[in-house]
Amino acid sequence: DAFMIYLKLALIGGGFLAGPVVLW
């Protein structure tokens, strides 16, 4: 579960960080 939480956080944070690129 700890690994999955880190993975989810990375995906969520990556989604926010890549949001401008996806929107563009």
PDB file of all heavy atoms in Angstrom:
ATOM      1  N   ASP A   1       0.816  -1.218   0.000  1.00  0.00           N
ATOM      2  CA  ASP A   1       0.000   0.000   0.000  1.00  0.00           C
ATOM      3  C   ASP A   1       0.851   1.269   0.000  1.00  0.00           C
ATOM      4  O   ASP A   1       0.503   2.257  -0.642  1.00  0.00           O
ATOM      5  CB  ASP A   1      -0.943   0.010   1.202  1.00  0.00           C
ATOM      6  CG  ASP A   1      -2.085  -0.982   1.033  1.00  0.00           C
ATOM      7  OD1 ASP A   1      -2.283  -1.447  -0.115  1.00  0.00           O
ATOM      8  OD2 ASP A   1      -2.759  -1.300   2.027  1.00  0.00           O
ATOM      9  N   ALA A   2       1.965   1.264   0.722  1.00  0.00           N
ATOM     10  CA  ALA A   2       2.816   2.454   0.777  1.00  0.00           C
ATOM     11  C   ALA A   2       3.366   2.778  -0.611  1.00  0.00           C
ATOM     12  O   ALA A   2       3.395   3.948  -1.033  1.00  0.00           O
ATOM     13  CB  ALA A   2       3.953   2.244   1.770  1.00  0.00           C
ATOM     14  N   PHE A   3       3.788   1.731  -1.334  1.00  0.00           N
ATOM     15  CA  PHE A   3       4.284   1.957  -2.697  1.00  0.00           C
ATOM     16  C   PHE A   3       3.181   2.487  -3.593  1.00  0.00           C
ATOM     17  O   PHE A   3       3.412   3.405  -4.410  1.00  0.00           O
ATOM     18  CB  PHE A   3       4.842   0.653  -3.266  1.00  0.00           C
ATOM     19  CG  PHE A   3       5.144   0.721  -4.738  1.00  0.00           C
ATOM     20  CD1 PHE A   3       6.292   1.366  -5.188  1.00  0.00           C
ATOM     21  CD2 PHE A   3       4.279   0.163  -5.671  1.00  0.00           C
ATOM     22  CE1 PHE A   3       6.576   1.443  -6.542  1.00  0.00           C
ATOM     23  CE2 PHE A   3       4.556   0.236  -7.024  1.00  0.00           C
ATOM     24  CZ  PHE A   3       5.700   0.871  -7.463  1.00  0.00           C
ATOM     25  N   MET A   4       1.959   1.936  -3.476  1.00  0.00           N
ATOM     26  CA  MET A   4       0.846   2.383  -4.309  1.00  0.00           C
ATOM     27  C   MET A   4       0.477   3.829  -4.003  1.00  0.00           C
ATOM     28  O   MET A   4       0.105   4.591  -4.905  1.00  0.00           O
ATOM     29  CB  MET A   4      -0.365   1.473  -4.102  1.00  0.00           C
ATOM     30  CG  MET A   4      -0.152   0.041  -4.579  1.00  0.00           C
ATOM     31  SD  MET A   4       0.324  -0.064  -6.323  1.00  0.00           S
ATOM     32  CE  MET A   4      -1.105   0.692  -7.117  1.00  0.00           C
ATOM     33  N   ILE A   5       0.600   4.238  -2.753  1.00  0.00           N
ATOM     34  CA  ILE A   5       0.310   5.624  -2.391  1.00  0.00           C
ATOM     35  C   ILE A   5       1.334   6.554  -3.031  1.00  0.00           C
ATOM     36  O   ILE A   5       0.984   7.618  -3.576  1.00  0.00           O
ATOM     37  CB  ILE A   5       0.304   5.790  -0.859  1.00  0.00           C
ATOM     38  CG1 ILE A   5      -0.917   5.090  -0.272  1.00  0.00           C
ATOM     39  CG2 ILE A   5       0.305   7.266  -0.474  1.00  0.00           C
ATOM     40  CD1 ILE A   5      -2.244   5.607  -0.795  1.00  0.00           C
ATOM     41  N   TYR A   6       2.605   6.166  -2.994  1.00  0.00           N
ATOM     42  CA  TYR A   6       3.630   6.985  -3.650  1.00  0.00           C
ATOM     43  C   TYR A   6       3.369   7.080  -5.152  1.00  0.00           C
ATOM     44  O   TYR A   6       3.551   8.137  -5.765  1.00  0.00           O
ATOM     45  CB  TYR A   6       5.015   6.380  -3.392  1.00  0.00           C
ATOM     46  CG  TYR A   6       5.650   6.853  -2.106  1.00  0.00           C
ATOM     47  CD1 TYR A   6       5.073   6.591  -0.874  1.00  0.00           C
ATOM     48  CD2 TYR A   6       6.836   7.584  -2.127  1.00  0.00           C
ATOM     49  CE1 TYR A   6       5.647   7.016   0.300  1.00  0.00           C
ATOM     50  CE2 TYR A   6       7.424   8.025  -0.955  1.00  0.00           C
ATOM     51  CZ  TYR A   6       6.822   7.737   0.264  1.00  0.00           C
ATOM     52  OH  TYR A   6       7.388   8.182   1.433  1.00  0.00           O
ATOM     53  N   LEU A   7       2.941   5.964  -5.746  1.00  0.00           N
ATOM     54  CA  LEU A   7       2.652   5.961  -7.183  1.00  0.00           C
ATOM     55  C   LEU A   7       1.465   6.863  -7.498  1.00  0.00           C
ATOM     56  O   LEU A   7       1.485   7.629  -8.472  1.00  0.00           O
ATOM     57  CB  LEU A   7       2.394   4.528  -7.653  1.00  0.00           C
ATOM     58  CG  LEU A   7       2.125   4.345  -9.153  1.00  0.00           C
ATOM     59  CD1 LEU A   7       3.327   4.824  -9.969  1.00  0.00           C
ATOM     60  CD2 LEU A   7       1.810   2.877  -9.459  1.00  0.00           C
ATOM     61  N   LYS A   8       0.410   6.798  -6.683  1.00  0.00           N
ATOM     62  CA  LYS A   8      -0.760   7.657  -6.897  1.00  0.00           C
ATOM     63  C   LYS A   8      -0.407   9.122  -6.750  1.00  0.00           C
ATOM     64  O   LYS A   8      -0.855   9.973  -7.528  1.00  0.00           O
ATOM     65  CB  LYS A   8      -1.879   7.280  -5.920  1.00  0.00           C
ATOM     66  CG  LYS A   8      -2.544   5.950  -6.216  1.00  0.00           C
ATOM     67  CD  LYS A   8      -3.643   5.658  -5.212  1.00  0.00           C
ATOM     68  CE  LYS A   8      -4.309   4.318  -5.488  1.00  0.00           C
ATOM     69  NZ  LYS A   8      -5.362   4.023  -4.489  1.00  0.00           N
ATOM     70  N   LEU A   9       0.406   9.432  -5.735  1.00  0.00           N
ATOM     71  CA  LEU A   9       0.822  10.818  -5.547  1.00  0.00           C
ATOM     72  C   LEU A   9       1.646  11.307  -6.739  1.00  0.00           C
ATOM     73  O   LEU A   9       1.494  12.457  -7.170  1.00  0.00           O
ATOM     74  CB  LEU A   9       1.639  10.942  -4.255  1.00  0.00           C
ATOM     75  CG  LEU A   9       0.860  11.009  -2.949  1.00  0.00           C
ATOM     76  CD1 LEU A   9       1.810  11.003  -1.758  1.00  0.00           C
ATOM     77  CD2 LEU A   9      -0.032  12.247  -2.911  1.00  0.00           C
ATOM     78  N   ALA A  10       2.505  10.446  -7.261  1.00  0.00           N
ATOM     79  CA  ALA A  10       3.303  10.837  -8.422  1.00  0.00           C
ATOM     80  C   ALA A  10       2.413  11.081  -9.634  1.00  0.00           C
ATOM     81  O   ALA A  10       2.618  12.043 -10.391  1.00  0.00           O
ATOM     82  CB  ALA A  10       4.335   9.760  -8.736  1.00  0.00           C
ATOM     83  N   LEU A  11       1.395  10.247  -9.824  1.00  0.00           N
ATOM     84  CA  LEU A  11       0.486  10.426 -10.954  1.00  0.00           C
ATOM     85  C   LEU A  11      -0.366  11.683 -10.782  1.00  0.00           C
ATOM     86  O   LEU A  11      -0.592  12.424 -11.744  1.00  0.00           O
ATOM     87  CB  LEU A  11      -0.411   9.188 -11.106  1.00  0.00           C
ATOM     88  CG  LEU A  11       0.297   7.914 -11.569  1.00  0.00           C
ATOM     89  CD1 LEU A  11      -0.679   6.743 -11.563  1.00  0.00           C
ATOM     90  CD2 LEU A  11       0.906   8.101 -12.944  1.00  0.00           C
ATOM     91  N   ILE A  12      -0.837  11.924  -9.565  1.00  0.00           N
ATOM     92  CA  ILE A  12      -1.640  13.125  -9.315  1.00  0.00           C
ATOM     93  C   ILE A  12      -0.796  14.385  -9.503  1.00  0.00           C
ATOM     94  O   ILE A  12      -1.193  15.333 -10.185  1.00  0.00           O
ATOM     95  CB  ILE A  12      -2.252  13.075  -7.904  1.00  0.00           C
ATOM     96  CG1 ILE A  12      -3.283  11.944  -7.820  1.00  0.00           C
ATOM     97  CG2 ILE A  12      -2.907  14.409  -7.554  1.00  0.00           C
ATOM     98  CD1 ILE A  12      -3.820  11.722  -6.414  1.00  0.00           C
ATOM     99  N   GLY A  13       0.390  14.389  -8.886  1.00  0.00           N
ATOM    100  CA  GLY A  13       1.269  15.543  -9.054  1.00  0.00           C
ATOM    101  C   GLY A  13       1.715  15.724 -10.488  1.00  0.00           C
ATOM    102  O   GLY A  13       1.810  16.852 -10.989  1.00  0.00           O
ATOM    103  N   GLY A  14       1.987  14.604 -11.180  1.00  0.00           N
ATOM    104  CA  GLY A  14       2.337  14.701 -12.589  1.00  0.00           C
ATOM    105  C   GLY A  14       1.206  15.224 -13.435  1.00  0.00           C
ATOM    106  O   GLY A  14       1.426  15.965 -14.406  1.00  0.00           O
ATOM    107  N   GLY A  15      -0.023  14.870 -13.064  1.00  0.00           N
ATOM    108  CA  GLY A  15      -1.174  15.409 -13.789  1.00  0.00           C
ATOM    109  C   GLY A  15      -1.292  16.912 -13.648  1.00  0.00           C
ATOM    110  O   GLY A  15      -1.570  17.618 -14.627  1.00  0.00           O
ATOM    111  N   PHE A  16      -1.068  17.407 -12.431  1.00  0.00           N
ATOM    112  CA  PHE A  16      -1.098  18.858 -12.233  1.00  0.00           C
ATOM    113  C   PHE A  16       0.043  19.535 -12.980  1.00  0.00           C
ATOM    114  O   PHE A  16      -0.134  20.590 -13.592  1.00  0.00           O
ATOM    115  CB  PHE A  16      -1.005  19.184 -10.737  1.00  0.00           C
ATOM    116  CG  PHE A  16      -2.313  19.101 -10.013  1.00  0.00           C
ATOM    117  CD1 PHE A  16      -2.623  18.001  -9.238  1.00  0.00           C
ATOM    118  CD2 PHE A  16      -3.244  20.116 -10.114  1.00  0.00           C
ATOM    119  CE1 PHE A  16      -3.823  17.911  -8.580  1.00  0.00           C
ATOM    120  CE2 PHE A  16      -4.458  20.041  -9.457  1.00  0.00           C
ATOM    121  CZ  PHE A  16      -4.749  18.940  -8.685  1.00  0.00           C
ATOM    122  N   LEU A  17       1.239  18.934 -12.921  1.00  0.00           N
ATOM    123  CA  LEU A  17       2.400  19.550 -13.556  1.00  0.00           C
ATOM    124  C   LEU A  17       2.279  19.534 -15.078  1.00  0.00           C
ATOM    125  O   LEU A  17       2.664  20.492 -15.755  1.00  0.00           O
ATOM    126  CB  LEU A  17       3.666  18.814 -13.116  1.00  0.00           C
ATOM    127  CG  LEU A  17       5.000  19.420 -13.557  1.00  0.00           C
ATOM    128  CD1 LEU A  17       5.161  20.823 -12.980  1.00  0.00           C
ATOM    129  CD2 LEU A  17       6.158  18.534 -13.096  1.00  0.00           C
ATOM    130  N   ALA A  18       1.732  18.453 -15.618  1.00  0.00           N
ATOM    131  CA  ALA A  18       1.581  18.344 -17.072  1.00  0.00           C
ATOM    132  C   ALA A  18       0.272  18.920 -17.567  1.00  0.00           C
ATOM    133  O   ALA A  18       0.026  18.892 -18.780  1.00  0.00           O
ATOM    134  CB  ALA A  18       1.685  16.876 -17.494  1.00  0.00           C
ATOM    135  N   GLY A  19      -0.547  19.448 -16.668  1.00  0.00           N
ATOM    136  CA  GLY A  19      -1.838  19.990 -17.070  1.00  0.00           C
ATOM    137  C   GLY A  19      -1.762  21.051 -18.160  1.00  0.00           C
ATOM    138  O   GLY A  19      -2.523  20.989 -19.138  1.00  0.00           O
ATOM    139  N   PRO A  20      -0.854  22.034 -18.059  1.00  0.00           N
ATOM    140  CA  PRO A  20      -0.754  23.030 -19.138  1.00  0.00           C
ATOM    141  C   PRO A  20      -0.404  22.427 -20.488  1.00  0.00           C
ATOM    142  O   PRO A  20      -0.912  22.874 -21.518  1.00  0.00           O
ATOM    143  CB  PRO A  20       0.351  23.974 -18.636  1.00  0.00           C
ATOM    144  CG  PRO A  20       0.319  23.845 -17.153  1.00  0.00           C
ATOM    145  CD  PRO A  20      -0.036  22.412 -16.896  1.00  0.00           C
ATOM    146  N   VAL A  21       0.453  21.392 -20.497  1.00  0.00           N
ATOM    147  CA  VAL A  21       0.805  20.757 -21.767  1.00  0.00           C
ATOM    148  C   VAL A  21      -0.413  20.044 -22.357  1.00  0.00           C
ATOM    149  O   VAL A  21      -0.690  20.150 -23.567  1.00  0.00           O
ATOM    150  CB  VAL A  21       1.965  19.765 -21.565  1.00  0.00           C
ATOM    151  CG1 VAL A  21       2.292  19.048 -22.869  1.00  0.00           C
ATOM    152  CG2 VAL A  21       3.191  20.488 -21.041  1.00  0.00           C
ATOM    153  N   VAL A  22      -1.142  19.313 -21.527  1.00  0.00           N
ATOM    154  CA  VAL A  22      -2.338  18.610 -22.000  1.00  0.00           C
ATOM    155  C   VAL A  22      -3.377  19.609 -22.501  1.00  0.00           C
ATOM    156  O   VAL A  22      -4.004  19.417 -23.561  1.00  0.00           O
ATOM    157  CB  VAL A  22      -2.916  17.739 -20.876  1.00  0.00           C
ATOM    158  CG1 VAL A  22      -4.217  17.074 -21.322  1.00  0.00           C
ATOM    159  CG2 VAL A  22      -1.903  16.677 -20.445  1.00  0.00           C
ATOM    160  N   LEU A  23      -3.541  20.694 -21.742  1.00  0.00           N
ATOM    161  CA  LEU A  23      -4.506  21.706 -22.159  1.00  0.00           C
ATOM    162  C   LEU A  23      -4.094  22.359 -23.476  1.00  0.00           C
ATOM    163  O   LEU A  23      -4.940  22.633 -24.346  1.00  0.00           O
ATOM    164  CB  LEU A  23      -4.633  22.765 -21.057  1.00  0.00           C
ATOM    165  CG  LEU A  23      -5.672  23.873 -21.282  1.00  0.00           C
ATOM    166  CD1 LEU A  23      -7.067  23.278 -21.431  1.00  0.00           C
ATOM    167  CD2 LEU A  23      -5.637  24.871 -20.134  1.00  0.00           C
ATOM    168  N   TRP A  24      -2.805  22.595 -23.649  1.00  0.00           N
ATOM    169  CA  TRP A  24      -2.328  23.206 -24.890  1.00  0.00           C
ATOM    170  C   TRP A  24      -2.535  22.267 -26.077  1.00  0.00           C
ATOM    171  O   TRP A  24      -2.881  22.726 -27.172  1.00  0.00           O
ATOM    172  CB  TRP A  24      -0.862  23.576 -24.748  1.00  0.00           C
ATOM    173  CG  TRP A  24      -0.297  24.242 -25.963  1.00  0.00           C
ATOM    174  CD1 TRP A  24       0.657  23.758 -26.810  1.00  0.00           C
ATOM    175  CD2 TRP A  24      -0.663  25.523 -26.479  1.00  0.00           C
ATOM    176  NE1 TRP A  24       0.928  24.644 -27.811  1.00  0.00           N
ATOM    177  CE2 TRP A  24       0.119  25.747 -27.641  1.00  0.00           C
ATOM    178  CE3 TRP A  24      -1.562  26.507 -26.076  1.00  0.00           C
ATOM    179  CZ2 TRP A  24       0.016  26.907 -28.402  1.00  0.00           C
ATOM    180  CZ3 TRP A  24      -1.669  27.664 -26.838  1.00  0.00           C
ATOM    181  CH2 TRP A  24      -0.892  27.857 -27.977  1.00  0.00           C
TER     182      TRP A  24
END
